[in-house]
Amino acid sequence: MKNDLTCAVVRDLLPSYVEGLTSDETNKAVEAHLSACPDCTARKNAMTAEPAEAAEQGREVDYLKTVKRKSGRRVVAAVLCTVLLIAAGFAAKIFIIGTPAQEGELFVAEAVEENGILRLSISTPSSATAYWGWKVDTADGVANISARSVLVSPLFPNGGGTVEVPLDGIGEVWLCGRVVWQDGILIQERVARLYEARTPYVGDISALNRISELAHIRSNFGDYTNSLHTSSWPYRWTLEFTRDGWQGAIGKDPNTFDTWIARYAIQLLALVENLDEVGWTYTDHQGEAHSGFITVKEANALLPELTDAYNQTHAGCDWRPLPSVKSYYNAPPAELQRLVEITRISS
């Protein structure tokens, strides 16, 4: 067969030729032309290369999908690891590391002084909190007890602890920011708060309410309202007990009530700097109205008597009263603890 195929004819035949649809005779004519025509040969090579390129592109797509799946799994794994690390850190924080115990979280349940060592049994009102890492730092005659607060767990199951403080050269012991022992006197948490609640002005009704609550006036003597006289001297704070309110924990008759309320009024006089008198009113079972009051001068006269009575009932106690009830306002907390002891209702 004479090879007289033109480039145009060959190009028209190439698609069928590449697909294997042309006859043997045509194939020979096309191949003869291709052997002598670089342009048509290049076109034919391009046509036969397309499936290979498409396959390569398919393989690239598959590879990218595989990479994407693996990357997705790695991202999920990384997120899970991060979450687990955060959870582990949080658990370590609340169950192991904890935070410094704060003022008011702990109180001294018992104190024993023996052979120059003060042994304190420390408790907490919270059943969900435990303490560890007890530490005693001393400086300038003051011992500071600190601890770390964590949630109760098998690792730290106890809410309190026992701490021993060597007393050589120590005049005060503080527990997490609050004084608990001073010059041989254990200071109750309530008394420490009472000391902090002192106010220079009888006109500060919120401060007066705080003091009376900490002094346990309501729980011991019943409900009352406040009446203040602050327009002229002497300044007076009167507790007006509701009808039958005077029949509190100790109220059995007017004489008992008046005796005991006068003692607690001494605490109020000591804690309000410019307070001159504390009065009280109430109505008994028969509807008879009663009233009374105590002045600073009368309170001062009672201090030696109350102190002597306390010393007689507590072996080895040799306390001395301060010269005036007002002296307790600026005295150390230990002196206020003594005043509370000698004036409180006996069991």
C-alpha atoms as a PDB file:
ATOM      1  CA  MET A   1       0.000   0.000   0.000  1.00  0.00           C
ATOM      2  CA  LYS A   2       1.392   3.341  -1.012  1.00  0.00           C
ATOM      3  CA  ASN A   3       1.785   5.600   1.940  1.00  0.00           C
ATOM      4  CA  ASP A   4       0.011   8.689   0.690  1.00  0.00           C
ATOM      5  CA  LEU A   5      -1.823   9.543   3.939  1.00  0.00           C
ATOM      6  CA  THR A   6      -1.651  13.199   4.797  1.00  0.00           C
ATOM      7  CA  CYS A   7      -1.175  14.499   8.353  1.00  0.00           C
ATOM      8  CA  ALA A   8      -4.791  15.584   8.440  1.00  0.00           C
ATOM      9  CA  VAL A   9      -6.004  12.088   7.592  1.00  0.00           C
ATOM     10  CA  VAL A  10      -3.672  10.477  10.129  1.00  0.00           C
ATOM     11  CA  ARG A  11      -4.814  12.821  12.838  1.00  0.00           C
ATOM     12  CA  ASP A  12      -8.419  11.872  12.100  1.00  0.00           C
ATOM     13  CA  LEU A  13      -7.499   8.199  12.290  1.00  0.00           C
ATOM     14  CA  LEU A  14      -5.374   8.410  15.431  1.00  0.00           C
ATOM     15  CA  PRO A  15      -8.248   8.129  17.944  1.00  0.00           C
ATOM     16  CA  SER A  16      -9.503   4.928  16.303  1.00  0.00           C
ATOM     17  CA  TYR A  17      -5.946   3.708  15.839  1.00  0.00           C
ATOM     18  CA  VAL A  18      -5.095   4.206  19.496  1.00  0.00           C
ATOM     19  CA  GLU A  19      -8.269   2.427  20.538  1.00  0.00           C
ATOM     20  CA  GLY A  20      -7.439  -0.518  18.196  1.00  0.00           C
ATOM     21  CA  LEU A  21     -10.478  -0.008  15.957  1.00  0.00           C
ATOM     22  CA  THR A  22      -8.738   0.318  12.586  1.00  0.00           C
ATOM     23  CA  SER A  23      -7.936  -2.513  10.156  1.00  0.00           C
ATOM     24  CA  ASP A  24      -4.525  -4.008   9.692  1.00  0.00           C
ATOM     25  CA  GLU A  25      -4.108  -2.262   6.344  1.00  0.00           C
ATOM     26  CA  THR A  26      -5.005   1.092   7.866  1.00  0.00           C
ATOM     27  CA  ASN A  27      -2.712   0.413  10.813  1.00  0.00           C
ATOM     28  CA  LYS A  28       0.208  -0.179   8.451  1.00  0.00           C
ATOM     29  CA  ALA A  29      -0.502   3.021   6.550  1.00  0.00           C
ATOM     30  CA  VAL A  30      -0.764   5.031   9.788  1.00  0.00           C
ATOM     31  CA  GLU A  31       2.401   3.532  11.216  1.00  0.00           C
ATOM     32  CA  ALA A  32       4.260   4.200   7.965  1.00  0.00           C
ATOM     33  CA  HIS A  33       3.236   7.828   8.189  1.00  0.00           C
ATOM     34  CA  LEU A  34       4.145   8.049  11.842  1.00  0.00           C
ATOM     35  CA  SER A  35       7.616   6.718  11.166  1.00  0.00           C
ATOM     36  CA  ALA A  36       8.269   9.682   8.916  1.00  0.00           C
ATOM     37  CA  CYS A  37       6.219  12.395  10.695  1.00  0.00           C
ATOM     38  CA  PRO A  38       7.447  13.603  14.111  1.00  0.00           C
ATOM     39  CA  ASP A  39       4.413  15.851  14.615  1.00  0.00           C
ATOM     40  CA  CYS A  40       1.873  13.091  14.224  1.00  0.00           C
ATOM     41  CA  THR A  41       4.034  10.750  16.297  1.00  0.00           C
ATOM     42  CA  ALA A  42       4.074  13.304  19.118  1.00  0.00           C
ATOM     43  CA  ARG A  43       0.302  13.634  18.886  1.00  0.00           C
ATOM     44  CA  LYS A  44      -0.089   9.859  19.007  1.00  0.00           C
ATOM     45  CA  ASN A  45       2.249   9.612  22.048  1.00  0.00           C
ATOM     46  CA  ALA A  46       0.256  12.289  23.809  1.00  0.00           C
ATOM     47  CA  MET A  47      -2.962  10.382  23.208  1.00  0.00           C
ATOM     48  CA  THR A  48      -1.531   7.098  24.485  1.00  0.00           C
ATOM     49  CA  ALA A  49      -0.026   8.843  27.577  1.00  0.00           C
ATOM     50  CA  GLU A  50      -3.342  10.218  28.835  1.00  0.00           C
ATOM     51  CA  PRO A  51      -4.517   7.008  30.553  1.00  0.00           C
ATOM     52  CA  ALA A  52      -1.167   6.705  32.331  1.00  0.00           C
ATOM     53  CA  GLU A  53      -1.433  10.270  33.569  1.00  0.00           C
ATOM     54  CA  ALA A  54      -5.009   9.689  34.696  1.00  0.00           C
ATOM     55  CA  ALA A  55      -3.889   6.575  36.570  1.00  0.00           C
ATOM     56  CA  GLU A  56      -1.118   8.554  38.182  1.00  0.00           C
ATOM     57  CA  GLN A  57      -3.582  11.230  39.172  1.00  0.00           C
ATOM     58  CA  GLY A  58      -5.825   8.530  40.617  1.00  0.00           C
ATOM     59  CA  ARG A  59      -2.942   7.160  42.624  1.00  0.00           C
ATOM     60  CA  GLU A  60      -2.177  10.654  43.912  1.00  0.00           C
ATOM     61  CA  VAL A  61      -5.801  11.103  44.969  1.00  0.00           C
ATOM     62  CA  ASP A  62      -5.754   7.759  46.780  1.00  0.00           C
ATOM     63  CA  TYR A  63      -2.510   8.707  48.506  1.00  0.00           C
ATOM     64  CA  LEU A  64      -3.939  12.020  49.624  1.00  0.00           C
ATOM     65  CA  LYS A  65      -7.010  10.284  51.003  1.00  0.00           C
ATOM     66  CA  THR A  66      -4.792   7.866  52.915  1.00  0.00           C
ATOM     67  CA  VAL A  67      -2.723  10.727  54.306  1.00  0.00           C
ATOM     68  CA  LYS A  68      -5.905  12.540  55.300  1.00  0.00           C
ATOM     69  CA  ARG A  69      -7.264   9.483  57.117  1.00  0.00           C
ATOM     70  CA  LYS A  70      -3.977   8.987  58.969  1.00  0.00           C
ATOM     71  CA  SER A  71      -3.796  12.693  59.809  1.00  0.00           C
ATOM     72  CA  GLY A  72      -7.365  12.578  61.123  1.00  0.00           C
ATOM     73  CA  ARG A  73      -6.525   9.661  63.365  1.00  0.00           C
ATOM     74  CA  ARG A  74      -3.434  11.466  64.625  1.00  0.00           C
ATOM     75  CA  VAL A  75      -5.473  14.598  65.372  1.00  0.00           C
ATOM     76  CA  VAL A  76      -8.058  12.562  67.299  1.00  0.00           C
ATOM     77  CA  ALA A  77      -5.279  10.797  69.202  1.00  0.00           C
ATOM     78  CA  ALA A  78      -3.619  14.130  69.990  1.00  0.00           C
ATOM     79  CA  VAL A  79      -6.912  15.601  71.231  1.00  0.00           C
ATOM     80  CA  LEU A  80      -7.551  12.564  73.427  1.00  0.00           C
ATOM     81  CA  CYS A  81      -4.026  12.740  74.848  1.00  0.00           C
ATOM     82  CA  THR A  82      -4.487  16.443  75.553  1.00  0.00           C
ATOM     83  CA  VAL A  83      -7.818  15.823  77.301  1.00  0.00           C
ATOM     84  CA  LEU A  84      -6.291  13.024  79.365  1.00  0.00           C
ATOM     85  CA  LEU A  85      -3.329  15.184  80.333  1.00  0.00           C
ATOM     86  CA  ILE A  86      -5.633  18.034  81.359  1.00  0.00           C
ATOM     87  CA  ALA A  87      -7.821  15.641  83.379  1.00  0.00           C
ATOM     88  CA  ALA A  88      -4.744  14.132  85.032  1.00  0.00           C
ATOM     89  CA  GLY A  89      -3.421  17.592  85.866  1.00  0.00           C
ATOM     90  CA  PHE A  90      -6.777  18.661  87.280  1.00  0.00           C
ATOM     91  CA  ALA A  91      -7.003  15.495  89.393  1.00  0.00           C
ATOM     92  CA  ALA A  92      -3.466  16.021  90.652  1.00  0.00           C
ATOM     93  CA  LYS A  93      -4.323  19.615  91.512  1.00  0.00           C
ATOM     94  CA  ILE A  94      -7.421  18.851  93.602  1.00  0.00           C
ATOM     95  CA  PHE A  95      -6.393  15.487  95.085  1.00  0.00           C
ATOM     96  CA  ILE A  96      -2.601  15.766  95.494  1.00  0.00           C
ATOM     97  CA  ILE A  97      -1.189  19.263  95.082  1.00  0.00           C
ATOM     98  CA  GLY A  98      -4.098  21.223  96.503  1.00  0.00           C
ATOM     99  CA  THR A  99      -4.039  24.856  97.593  1.00  0.00           C
ATOM    100  CA  PRO A 100      -2.768  26.610 100.738  1.00  0.00           C
ATOM    101  CA  ALA A 101      -5.262  26.230 103.585  1.00  0.00           C
ATOM    102  CA  GLN A 102      -7.045  29.497 104.310  1.00  0.00           C
ATOM    103  CA  GLU A 103      -8.056  31.242 107.495  1.00  0.00           C
ATOM    104  CA  GLY A 104     -11.276  29.823 108.896  1.00  0.00           C
ATOM    105  CA  GLU A 105     -10.944  26.376 107.280  1.00  0.00           C
ATOM    106  CA  LEU A 106      -9.405  24.828 110.399  1.00  0.00           C
ATOM    107  CA  PHE A 107      -9.829  25.100 114.145  1.00  0.00           C
ATOM    108  CA  VAL A 108      -8.046  23.713 117.195  1.00  0.00           C
ATOM    109  CA  ALA A 109     -10.111  20.985 118.826  1.00  0.00           C
ATOM    110  CA  GLU A 110      -7.645  20.324 121.642  1.00  0.00           C
ATOM    111  CA  ALA A 111      -4.355  21.755 122.903  1.00  0.00           C
ATOM    112  CA  VAL A 112      -1.949  20.047 125.293  1.00  0.00           C
ATOM    113  CA  GLU A 113       1.179  21.763 126.575  1.00  0.00           C
ATOM    114  CA  GLU A 114       3.774  19.366 127.915  1.00  0.00           C
ATOM    115  CA  ASN A 115       7.565  19.442 128.299  1.00  0.00           C
ATOM    116  CA  GLY A 116       7.897  22.614 126.293  1.00  0.00           C
ATOM    117  CA  ILE A 117       5.841  21.225 123.393  1.00  0.00           C
ATOM    118  CA  LEU A 118       2.403  22.476 122.386  1.00  0.00           C
ATOM    119  CA  ARG A 119       0.461  19.643 120.756  1.00  0.00           C
ATOM    120  CA  LEU A 120      -2.531  20.849 118.771  1.00  0.00           C
ATOM    121  CA  SER A 121      -5.288  18.571 117.487  1.00  0.00           C
ATOM    122  CA  ILE A 122      -6.627  20.361 114.427  1.00  0.00           C
ATOM    123  CA  SER A 123     -10.012  19.693 112.834  1.00  0.00           C
ATOM    124  CA  THR A 124     -12.174  21.016 110.036  1.00  0.00           C
ATOM    125  CA  PRO A 125     -15.959  21.333 109.742  1.00  0.00           C
ATOM    126  CA  SER A 126     -15.785  20.097 106.138  1.00  0.00           C
ATOM    127  CA  SER A 127     -16.009  16.334 105.618  1.00  0.00           C
ATOM    128  CA  ALA A 128     -14.952  16.665 101.972  1.00  0.00           C
ATOM    129  CA  THR A 129     -11.605  18.337 102.639  1.00  0.00           C
ATOM    130  CA  ALA A 130      -8.322  16.832 103.798  1.00  0.00           C
ATOM    131  CA  TYR A 131      -5.064  18.522 104.759  1.00  0.00           C
ATOM    132  CA  TRP A 132      -1.441  17.541 104.370  1.00  0.00           C
ATOM    133  CA  GLY A 133       2.014  19.079 104.292  1.00  0.00           C
ATOM    134  CA  TRP A 134       1.762  20.511 107.808  1.00  0.00           C
ATOM    135  CA  LYS A 135       4.532  23.020 108.354  1.00  0.00           C
ATOM    136  CA  VAL A 136       5.594  25.164 111.307  1.00  0.00           C
ATOM    137  CA  ASP A 137       7.635  28.308 110.610  1.00  0.00           C
ATOM    138  CA  THR A 138       8.956  30.388 113.491  1.00  0.00           C
ATOM    139  CA  ALA A 139      10.196  33.955 113.520  1.00  0.00           C
ATOM    140  CA  ASP A 140      10.361  36.710 116.137  1.00  0.00           C
ATOM    141  CA  GLY A 141       8.602  34.651 118.791  1.00  0.00           C
ATOM    142  CA  VAL A 142       5.708  33.669 116.512  1.00  0.00           C
ATOM    143  CA  ALA A 143       5.010  30.169 115.148  1.00  0.00           C
ATOM    144  CA  ASN A 144       2.960  29.983 111.959  1.00  0.00           C
ATOM    145  CA  ILE A 145       1.274  26.672 111.081  1.00  0.00           C
ATOM    146  CA  SER A 146       0.382  26.084 107.434  1.00  0.00           C
ATOM    147  CA  ALA A 147      -0.961  23.174 105.396  1.00  0.00           C
ATOM    148  CA  ARG A 148      -2.311  22.330 101.958  1.00  0.00           C
ATOM    149  CA  SER A 149      -5.979  21.684 101.302  1.00  0.00           C
ATOM    150  CA  VAL A 150      -7.113  18.847  98.984  1.00  0.00           C
ATOM    151  CA  LEU A 151     -10.255  16.841  98.388  1.00  0.00           C
ATOM    152  CA  VAL A 152     -10.593  13.729 100.523  1.00  0.00           C
ATOM    153  CA  SER A 153      -9.278  10.624  98.754  1.00  0.00           C
ATOM    154  CA  PRO A 154      -7.635   7.293  99.658  1.00  0.00           C
ATOM    155  CA  LEU A 155      -4.318   9.137  99.401  1.00  0.00           C
ATOM    156  CA  PHE A 156      -5.365  11.807 101.927  1.00  0.00           C
ATOM    157  CA  PRO A 157      -8.399  10.523 103.872  1.00  0.00           C
ATOM    158  CA  ASN A 158      -8.146  12.679 107.022  1.00  0.00           C
ATOM    159  CA  GLY A 159      -9.708  16.085 107.488  1.00  0.00           C
ATOM    160  CA  GLY A 160      -7.414  17.304 110.240  1.00  0.00           C
ATOM    161  CA  GLY A 161      -4.125  16.495 111.861  1.00  0.00           C
ATOM    162  CA  THR A 162      -1.893  16.830 114.905  1.00  0.00           C
ATOM    163  CA  VAL A 163       0.859  19.424 114.965  1.00  0.00           C
ATOM    164  CA  GLU A 164       3.582  19.827 117.572  1.00  0.00           C
ATOM    165  CA  VAL A 165       5.065  23.262 118.198  1.00  0.00           C
ATOM    166  CA  PRO A 166       8.252  23.670 120.302  1.00  0.00           C
ATOM    167  CA  LEU A 167       7.533  26.601 122.621  1.00  0.00           C
ATOM    168  CA  ASP A 168      11.077  27.697 123.325  1.00  0.00           C
ATOM    169  CA  GLY A 169      11.027  31.435 122.653  1.00  0.00           C
ATOM    170  CA  ILE A 170       7.479  31.283 121.242  1.00  0.00           C
ATOM    171  CA  GLY A 171       4.796  33.649 122.547  1.00  0.00           C
ATOM    172  CA  GLU A 172       2.165  33.202 119.828  1.00  0.00           C
ATOM    173  CA  VAL A 173       0.961  30.406 117.563  1.00  0.00           C
ATOM    174  CA  TRP A 174      -1.005  31.151 114.394  1.00  0.00           C
ATOM    175  CA  LEU A 175      -2.976  28.659 112.314  1.00  0.00           C
ATOM    176  CA  CYS A 176      -3.392  29.600 108.653  1.00  0.00           C
ATOM    177  CA  GLY A 177      -3.542  33.311 109.395  1.00  0.00           C
ATOM    178  CA  ARG A 178      -5.408  33.289 112.732  1.00  0.00           C
ATOM    179  CA  VAL A 179      -3.958  33.377 116.233  1.00  0.00           C
ATOM    180  CA  VAL A 180      -4.839  30.213 118.195  1.00  0.00           C
ATOM    181  CA  TRP A 181      -2.484  30.359 121.190  1.00  0.00           C
ATOM    182  CA  GLN A 182      -0.969  33.271 123.032  1.00  0.00           C
ATOM    183  CA  ASP A 183       1.000  33.402 126.282  1.00  0.00           C
ATOM    184  CA  GLY A 184      -0.292  30.020 127.425  1.00  0.00           C
ATOM    185  CA  ILE A 185      -3.927  30.697 126.488  1.00  0.00           C
ATOM    186  CA  LEU A 186      -5.738  28.719 123.789  1.00  0.00           C
ATOM    187  CA  ILE A 187      -7.811  31.208 121.797  1.00  0.00           C
ATOM    188  CA  GLN A 188     -11.100  29.867 120.456  1.00  0.00           C
ATOM    189  CA  GLU A 189     -12.008  30.639 116.855  1.00  0.00           C
ATOM    190  CA  ARG A 190     -15.137  32.467 118.034  1.00  0.00           C
ATOM    191  CA  VAL A 191     -13.076  34.679 120.344  1.00  0.00           C
ATOM    192  CA  ALA A 192     -10.561  35.419 117.585  1.00  0.00           C
ATOM    193  CA  ARG A 193     -13.464  36.498 115.370  1.00  0.00           C
ATOM    194  CA  LEU A 194     -14.923  38.497 118.259  1.00  0.00           C
ATOM    195  CA  TYR A 195     -11.600  40.285 118.631  1.00  0.00           C
ATOM    196  CA  GLU A 196     -11.592  41.090 114.921  1.00  0.00           C
ATOM    197  CA  ALA A 197     -15.176  42.423 115.177  1.00  0.00           C
ATOM    198  CA  ARG A 198     -14.301  45.236 117.619  1.00  0.00           C
ATOM    199  CA  THR A 199     -15.655  48.640 116.640  1.00  0.00           C
ATOM    200  CA  PRO A 200     -14.872  52.150 117.890  1.00  0.00           C
ATOM    201  CA  TYR A 201     -18.431  53.417 117.332  1.00  0.00           C
ATOM    202  CA  VAL A 202     -21.653  52.412 119.030  1.00  0.00           C
ATOM    203  CA  GLY A 203     -23.540  53.825 116.039  1.00  0.00           C
ATOM    204  CA  ASP A 204     -22.266  51.086 113.700  1.00  0.00           C
ATOM    205  CA  ILE A 205     -25.308  48.782 113.926  1.00  0.00           C
ATOM    206  CA  SER A 206     -23.896  46.137 111.558  1.00  0.00           C
ATOM    207  CA  ALA A 207     -20.783  45.854 113.736  1.00  0.00           C
ATOM    208  CA  LEU A 208     -22.950  45.636 116.878  1.00  0.00           C
ATOM    209  CA  ASN A 209     -24.993  42.792 115.383  1.00  0.00           C
ATOM    210  CA  ARG A 210     -21.803  40.968 114.461  1.00  0.00           C
ATOM    211  CA  ILE A 211     -20.474  41.315 118.011  1.00  0.00           C
ATOM    212  CA  SER A 212     -23.706  40.212 119.681  1.00  0.00           C
ATOM    213  CA  GLU A 213     -23.978  37.126 117.452  1.00  0.00           C
ATOM    214  CA  LEU A 214     -20.392  36.099 118.172  1.00  0.00           C
ATOM    215  CA  ALA A 215     -21.022  36.710 121.884  1.00  0.00           C
ATOM    216  CA  HIS A 216     -23.971  34.263 121.636  1.00  0.00           C
ATOM    217  CA  ILE A 217     -26.461  36.765 123.017  1.00  0.00           C
ATOM    218  CA  ARG A 218     -29.361  35.483 120.928  1.00  0.00           C
ATOM    219  CA  SER A 219     -28.641  31.774 121.449  1.00  0.00           C
ATOM    220  CA  ASN A 220     -28.328  32.199 125.223  1.00  0.00           C
ATOM    221  CA  PHE A 221     -30.975  34.828 125.951  1.00  0.00           C
ATOM    222  CA  GLY A 222     -33.482  34.850 123.080  1.00  0.00           C
ATOM    223  CA  ASP A 223     -34.572  37.128 120.240  1.00  0.00           C
ATOM    224  CA  TYR A 224     -34.207  40.870 120.587  1.00  0.00           C
ATOM    225  CA  THR A 225     -34.108  44.181 118.743  1.00  0.00           C
ATOM    226  CA  ASN A 226     -31.506  46.922 119.154  1.00  0.00           C
ATOM    227  CA  SER A 227     -32.123  50.383 120.512  1.00  0.00           C
ATOM    228  CA  LEU A 228     -29.285  52.917 120.481  1.00  0.00           C
ATOM    229  CA  HIS A 229     -28.819  56.178 122.334  1.00  0.00           C
ATOM    230  CA  THR A 230     -26.024  58.087 120.609  1.00  0.00           C
ATOM    231  CA  SER A 231     -27.250  61.703 120.636  1.00  0.00           C
ATOM    232  CA  SER A 232     -25.593  62.542 123.969  1.00  0.00           C
ATOM    233  CA  TRP A 233     -23.371  61.044 126.644  1.00  0.00           C
ATOM    234  CA  PRO A 234     -23.614  58.410 128.069  1.00  0.00           C
ATOM    235  CA  TYR A 235     -23.908  56.301 124.914  1.00  0.00           C
ATOM    236  CA  ARG A 236     -26.118  53.285 125.475  1.00  0.00           C
ATOM    237  CA  TRP A 237     -26.894  50.083 123.578  1.00  0.00           C
ATOM    238  CA  THR A 238     -30.161  48.485 124.713  1.00  0.00           C
ATOM    239  CA  LEU A 239     -31.194  44.925 123.870  1.00  0.00           C
ATOM    240  CA  GLU A 240     -34.984  44.797 123.798  1.00  0.00           C
ATOM    241  CA  PHE A 241     -35.919  41.118 124.108  1.00  0.00           C
ATOM    242  CA  THR A 242     -39.209  39.995 122.628  1.00  0.00           C
ATOM    243  CA  ARG A 243     -41.983  38.739 124.908  1.00  0.00           C
ATOM    244  CA  ASP A 244     -40.791  35.589 126.633  1.00  0.00           C
ATOM    245  CA  GLY A 245     -37.585  35.889 124.622  1.00  0.00           C
ATOM    246  CA  TRP A 246     -35.665  36.232 127.855  1.00  0.00           C
ATOM    247  CA  GLN A 247     -36.431  32.567 128.536  1.00  0.00           C
ATOM    248  CA  GLY A 248     -33.407  31.429 126.563  1.00  0.00           C
ATOM    249  CA  ALA A 249     -30.933  28.715 127.467  1.00  0.00           C
ATOM    250  CA  ILE A 250     -30.396  30.124 130.961  1.00  0.00           C
ATOM    251  CA  GLY A 251     -33.542  32.159 131.651  1.00  0.00           C
ATOM    252  CA  LYS A 252     -35.631  30.686 134.453  1.00  0.00           C
ATOM    253  CA  ASP A 253     -36.474  33.803 136.411  1.00  0.00           C
ATOM    254  CA  PRO A 254     -35.718  37.520 136.176  1.00  0.00           C
ATOM    255  CA  ASN A 255     -32.926  37.331 138.763  1.00  0.00           C
ATOM    256  CA  THR A 256     -31.065  34.665 136.784  1.00  0.00           C
ATOM    257  CA  PHE A 257     -31.549  36.544 133.560  1.00  0.00           C
ATOM    258  CA  ASP A 258     -30.345  39.878 134.955  1.00  0.00           C
ATOM    259  CA  THR A 259     -27.255  38.299 136.515  1.00  0.00           C
ATOM    260  CA  TRP A 260     -26.151  36.554 133.358  1.00  0.00           C
ATOM    261  CA  ILE A 261     -27.022  39.268 130.841  1.00  0.00           C
ATOM    262  CA  ALA A 262     -24.949  41.691 132.930  1.00  0.00           C
ATOM    263  CA  ARG A 263     -21.940  39.391 132.550  1.00  0.00           C
ATOM    264  CA  TYR A 264     -22.305  39.188 128.794  1.00  0.00           C
ATOM    265  CA  ALA A 265     -22.859  42.945 128.638  1.00  0.00           C
ATOM    266  CA  ILE A 266     -19.305  43.296 129.979  1.00  0.00           C
ATOM    267  CA  GLN A 267     -18.053  41.685 126.764  1.00  0.00           C
ATOM    268  CA  LEU A 268     -20.051  44.181 124.707  1.00  0.00           C
ATOM    269  CA  LEU A 269     -18.644  47.116 126.697  1.00  0.00           C
ATOM    270  CA  ALA A 270     -15.121  45.822 126.080  1.00  0.00           C
ATOM    271  CA  LEU A 271     -15.594  45.459 122.318  1.00  0.00           C
ATOM    272  CA  VAL A 272     -17.264  48.810 121.510  1.00  0.00           C
ATOM    273  CA  GLU A 273     -14.769  51.523 122.373  1.00  0.00           C
ATOM    274  CA  ASN A 274     -17.112  54.478 122.968  1.00  0.00           C
ATOM    275  CA  LEU A 275     -19.954  52.446 124.524  1.00  0.00           C
ATOM    276  CA  ASP A 276     -20.765  53.634 128.086  1.00  0.00           C
ATOM    277  CA  GLU A 277     -23.747  51.483 129.059  1.00  0.00           C
ATOM    278  CA  VAL A 278     -25.499  48.304 127.974  1.00  0.00           C
ATOM    279  CA  GLY A 279     -29.182  47.987 128.828  1.00  0.00           C
ATOM    280  CA  TRP A 280     -31.851  45.314 128.387  1.00  0.00           C
ATOM    281  CA  THR A 281     -35.619  44.989 128.577  1.00  0.00           C
ATOM    282  CA  TYR A 282     -37.963  41.961 128.610  1.00  0.00           C
ATOM    283  CA  THR A 283     -41.394  40.819 129.748  1.00  0.00           C
ATOM    284  CA  ASP A 284     -41.829  37.803 132.038  1.00  0.00           C
ATOM    285  CA  HIS A 285     -44.535  35.111 132.183  1.00  0.00           C
ATOM    286  CA  GLN A 286     -46.874  37.276 134.186  1.00  0.00           C
ATOM    287  CA  GLY A 287     -46.588  40.105 131.675  1.00  0.00           C
ATOM    288  CA  GLU A 288     -44.460  42.199 134.001  1.00  0.00           C
ATOM    289  CA  ALA A 289     -41.910  44.399 132.250  1.00  0.00           C
ATOM    290  CA  HIS A 290     -38.306  44.331 133.415  1.00  0.00           C
ATOM    291  CA  SER A 291     -35.305  46.431 132.524  1.00  0.00           C
ATOM    292  CA  GLY A 292     -31.727  46.843 133.643  1.00  0.00           C
ATOM    293  CA  PHE A 293     -28.372  48.179 132.558  1.00  0.00           C
ATOM    294  CA  ILE A 294     -24.705  48.087 133.461  1.00  0.00           C
ATOM    295  CA  THR A 295     -22.211  50.928 133.157  1.00  0.00           C
ATOM    296  CA  VAL A 296     -18.484  50.819 132.507  1.00  0.00           C
ATOM    297  CA  LYS A 297     -17.851  51.742 136.155  1.00  0.00           C
ATOM    298  CA  GLU A 298     -20.046  48.878 137.378  1.00  0.00           C
ATOM    299  CA  ALA A 299     -18.378  46.455 134.961  1.00  0.00           C
ATOM    300  CA  ASN A 300     -14.941  47.493 136.225  1.00  0.00           C
ATOM    301  CA  ALA A 301     -16.035  46.799 139.777  1.00  0.00           C
ATOM    302  CA  LEU A 302     -17.201  43.285 138.794  1.00  0.00           C
ATOM    303  CA  LEU A 303     -13.978  42.245 137.051  1.00  0.00           C
ATOM    304  CA  PRO A 304     -11.976  41.298 140.204  1.00  0.00           C
ATOM    305  CA  GLU A 305     -14.919  39.367 141.642  1.00  0.00           C
ATOM    306  CA  LEU A 306     -15.525  37.396 138.448  1.00  0.00           C
ATOM    307  CA  THR A 307     -11.801  36.663 138.012  1.00  0.00           C
ATOM    308  CA  ASP A 308     -11.436  35.398 141.602  1.00  0.00           C
ATOM    309  CA  ALA A 309     -14.499  33.150 141.178  1.00  0.00           C
ATOM    310  CA  TYR A 310     -12.997  31.694 138.005  1.00  0.00           C
ATOM    311  CA  ASN A 311      -9.609  31.067 139.651  1.00  0.00           C
ATOM    312  CA  GLN A 312     -11.264  29.248 142.559  1.00  0.00           C
ATOM    313  CA  THR A 313     -13.036  26.816 140.237  1.00  0.00           C
ATOM    314  CA  HIS A 314      -9.989  26.167 138.018  1.00  0.00           C
ATOM    315  CA  ALA A 315      -7.068  24.610 139.842  1.00  0.00           C
ATOM    316  CA  GLY A 316      -3.733  26.263 139.175  1.00  0.00           C
ATOM    317  CA  CYS A 317      -5.309  29.307 137.535  1.00  0.00           C
ATOM    318  CA  ASP A 318      -4.044  32.656 138.822  1.00  0.00           C
ATOM    319  CA  TRP A 319      -5.439  35.193 136.388  1.00  0.00           C
ATOM    320  CA  ARG A 320      -5.429  38.905 137.089  1.00  0.00           C
ATOM    321  CA  PRO A 321      -8.069  41.236 135.597  1.00  0.00           C
ATOM    322  CA  LEU A 322      -7.107  44.287 133.571  1.00  0.00           C
ATOM    323  CA  PRO A 323      -7.722  47.617 135.318  1.00  0.00           C
ATOM    324  CA  SER A 324     -10.730  48.514 133.171  1.00  0.00           C
ATOM    325  CA  VAL A 325     -13.145  46.738 130.873  1.00  0.00           C
ATOM    326  CA  LYS A 326     -12.031  49.211 128.206  1.00  0.00           C
ATOM    327  CA  SER A 327      -8.449  47.944 128.543  1.00  0.00           C
ATOM    328  CA  TYR A 328      -9.542  44.767 126.734  1.00  0.00           C
ATOM    329  CA  TYR A 329     -10.279  46.756 123.559  1.00  0.00           C
ATOM    330  CA  ASN A 330      -6.595  47.214 122.733  1.00  0.00           C
ATOM    331  CA  ALA A 331      -5.254  44.240 124.705  1.00  0.00           C
ATOM    332  CA  PRO A 332      -3.968  41.097 122.966  1.00  0.00           C
ATOM    333  CA  PRO A 333      -6.535  38.440 121.974  1.00  0.00           C
ATOM    334  CA  ALA A 334      -5.468  36.271 124.949  1.00  0.00           C
ATOM    335  CA  GLU A 335      -6.889  38.873 127.345  1.00  0.00           C
ATOM    336  CA  LEU A 336     -10.235  38.861 125.535  1.00  0.00           C
ATOM    337  CA  GLN A 337     -10.244  35.044 125.820  1.00  0.00           C
ATOM    338  CA  ARG A 338      -9.796  35.450 129.604  1.00  0.00           C
ATOM    339  CA  LEU A 339     -12.658  37.953 129.732  1.00  0.00           C
ATOM    340  CA  VAL A 340     -14.933  35.580 127.798  1.00  0.00           C
ATOM    341  CA  GLU A 341     -13.992  32.740 130.141  1.00  0.00           C
ATOM    342  CA  ILE A 342     -14.772  34.612 133.339  1.00  0.00           C
ATOM    343  CA  THR A 343     -18.070  36.036 132.060  1.00  0.00           C
ATOM    344  CA  ARG A 344     -19.520  33.120 130.110  1.00  0.00           C
ATOM    345  CA  ILE A 345     -22.415  30.995 131.339  1.00  0.00           C
ATOM    346  CA  SER A 346     -21.082  28.085 133.370  1.00  0.00           C
ATOM    347  CA  SER A 347     -22.218  24.539 132.612  1.00  0.00           C
END
